[in-house]
Amino acid sequence: MLDSHLLGVDLFIGQILKNTHANDLLIKFALSLLILKGERYEYGK
């Protein structure tokens, strides 16, 4: 049950990504990297 739900979520996200402009993807990717760097910085303290 859970696996099929996760698969559905993956397909849903895939559709969103396909329908998103490349520039938006780059912005989201950059923001996610900044968030990861911020978390690493917090953990490093």
N, C-alpha and C. Protein backbone atom coordinates (compact mmCIF):
# COMPACT_ATOMS: atom_id res chain seq x y z
N MET A 1 0.84 -1.20 0.00
CA MET A 1 0.00 0.00 0.00
C MET A 1 0.87 1.25 0.00
N LEU A 2 1.85 1.26 0.91
CA LEU A 2 2.73 2.42 1.03
C LEU A 2 3.57 2.59 -0.23
N ASP A 3 4.07 1.46 -0.77
CA ASP A 3 4.92 1.53 -1.97
C ASP A 3 4.16 2.14 -3.14
N SER A 4 2.91 1.72 -3.34
CA SER A 4 2.14 2.25 -4.46
C SER A 4 1.84 3.72 -4.24
N HIS A 5 1.65 4.13 -2.99
CA HIS A 5 1.42 5.54 -2.69
C HIS A 5 2.66 6.35 -3.04
N LEU A 6 3.83 5.85 -2.64
CA LEU A 6 5.08 6.55 -2.94
C LEU A 6 5.31 6.64 -4.44
N LEU A 7 4.98 5.56 -5.16
CA LEU A 7 5.12 5.56 -6.61
C LEU A 7 4.23 6.63 -7.23
N GLY A 8 3.02 6.75 -6.72
CA GLY A 8 2.10 7.77 -7.22
C GLY A 8 2.65 9.17 -6.97
N VAL A 9 3.24 9.37 -5.81
CA VAL A 9 3.83 10.67 -5.49
C VAL A 9 4.99 10.97 -6.44
N ASP A 10 5.82 9.96 -6.70
CA ASP A 10 6.94 10.14 -7.64
C ASP A 10 6.44 10.52 -9.03
N LEU A 11 5.38 9.86 -9.49
CA LEU A 11 4.82 10.17 -10.81
C LEU A 11 4.24 11.58 -10.83
N PHE A 12 3.59 11.95 -9.74
CA PHE A 12 3.00 13.29 -9.63
C PHE A 12 4.09 14.35 -9.69
N ILE A 13 5.16 14.15 -8.92
CA ILE A 13 6.29 15.08 -8.92
C ILE A 13 6.93 15.12 -10.30
N GLY A 14 7.05 13.97 -10.95
CA GLY A 14 7.61 13.91 -12.29
C GLY A 14 6.81 14.75 -13.27
N GLN A 15 5.47 14.69 -13.16
CA GLN A 15 4.62 15.50 -14.04
C GLN A 15 4.85 16.98 -13.78
N ILE A 16 4.96 17.36 -12.51
CA ILE A 16 5.20 18.76 -12.16
C ILE A 16 6.53 19.22 -12.76
N LEU A 17 7.56 18.39 -12.61
CA LEU A 17 8.87 18.76 -13.12
C LEU A 17 8.85 18.90 -14.64
N LYS A 18 8.12 18.01 -15.32
CA LYS A 18 8.04 18.08 -16.78
C LYS A 18 7.36 19.38 -17.22
N ASN A 19 6.39 19.83 -16.41
CA ASN A 19 5.61 21.01 -16.79
C ASN A 19 6.25 22.31 -16.30
N THR A 20 7.40 22.21 -15.67
CA THR A 20 8.07 23.40 -15.13
C THR A 20 9.17 23.84 -16.08
N HIS A 21 9.30 25.14 -16.24
CA HIS A 21 10.36 25.67 -17.11
C HIS A 21 11.73 25.36 -16.53
N ALA A 22 12.73 25.26 -17.40
CA ALA A 22 14.09 24.92 -16.98
C ALA A 22 14.63 25.94 -15.99
N ASN A 23 14.32 27.21 -16.21
CA ASN A 23 14.81 28.25 -15.30
C ASN A 23 14.27 28.03 -13.89
N ASP A 24 12.99 27.67 -13.78
CA ASP A 24 12.39 27.41 -12.48
C ASP A 24 13.09 26.24 -11.80
N LEU A 25 13.43 25.20 -12.59
CA LEU A 25 14.13 24.04 -12.04
C LEU A 25 15.50 24.46 -11.51
N LEU A 26 16.19 25.30 -12.27
CA LEU A 26 17.51 25.75 -11.83
C LEU A 26 17.40 26.53 -10.53
N ILE A 27 16.38 27.39 -10.44
CA ILE A 27 16.19 28.18 -9.22
C ILE A 27 15.90 27.25 -8.04
N LYS A 28 15.01 26.28 -8.24
CA LYS A 28 14.67 25.34 -7.17
C LYS A 28 15.90 24.53 -6.75
N PHE A 29 16.70 24.12 -7.74
CA PHE A 29 17.91 23.36 -7.45
C PHE A 29 18.88 24.20 -6.63
N ALA A 30 19.07 25.46 -7.03
CA ALA A 30 19.97 26.35 -6.31
C ALA A 30 19.48 26.57 -4.89
N LEU A 31 18.18 26.79 -4.72
CA LEU A 31 17.62 27.00 -3.39
C LEU A 31 17.79 25.77 -2.52
N SER A 32 17.57 24.58 -3.09
CA SER A 32 17.73 23.35 -2.31
C SER A 32 19.18 23.17 -1.89
N LEU A 33 20.12 23.55 -2.76
CA LEU A 33 21.54 23.47 -2.39
C LEU A 33 21.84 24.43 -1.25
N LEU A 34 21.29 25.65 -1.32
CA LEU A 34 21.51 26.62 -0.25
C LEU A 34 20.95 26.11 1.07
N ILE A 35 19.77 25.48 1.00
CA ILE A 35 19.15 24.93 2.21
C ILE A 35 20.03 23.83 2.78
N LEU A 36 20.53 22.94 1.92
CA LEU A 36 21.41 21.86 2.38
C LEU A 36 22.67 22.42 3.01
N LYS A 37 23.27 23.44 2.38
CA LYS A 37 24.47 24.06 2.94
C LYS A 37 24.16 24.67 4.29
N GLY A 38 23.00 25.30 4.42
CA GLY A 38 22.60 25.91 5.69
C GLY A 38 22.45 24.86 6.78
N GLU A 39 21.86 23.71 6.44
CA GLU A 39 21.69 22.64 7.42
C GLU A 39 23.04 22.08 7.83
N ARG A 40 23.94 21.91 6.87
CA ARG A 40 25.27 21.39 7.19
C ARG A 40 25.99 22.37 8.10
N TYR A 41 25.81 23.64 7.83
CA TYR A 41 26.45 24.68 8.65
C TYR A 41 25.93 24.59 10.09
N GLU A 42 24.61 24.41 10.23
CA GLU A 42 24.01 24.29 11.56
C GLU A 42 24.53 23.05 12.28
N TYR A 43 24.61 21.93 11.56
CA TYR A 43 25.09 20.69 12.18
C TYR A 43 26.56 20.80 12.55
N GLY A 44 27.30 21.59 11.78
CA GLY A 44 28.73 21.73 12.03
C GLY A 44 29.05 22.50 13.31
N LYS A 45 28.07 23.27 13.81
CA LYS A 45 28.35 24.10 14.99
C LYS A 45 28.59 23.27 16.23
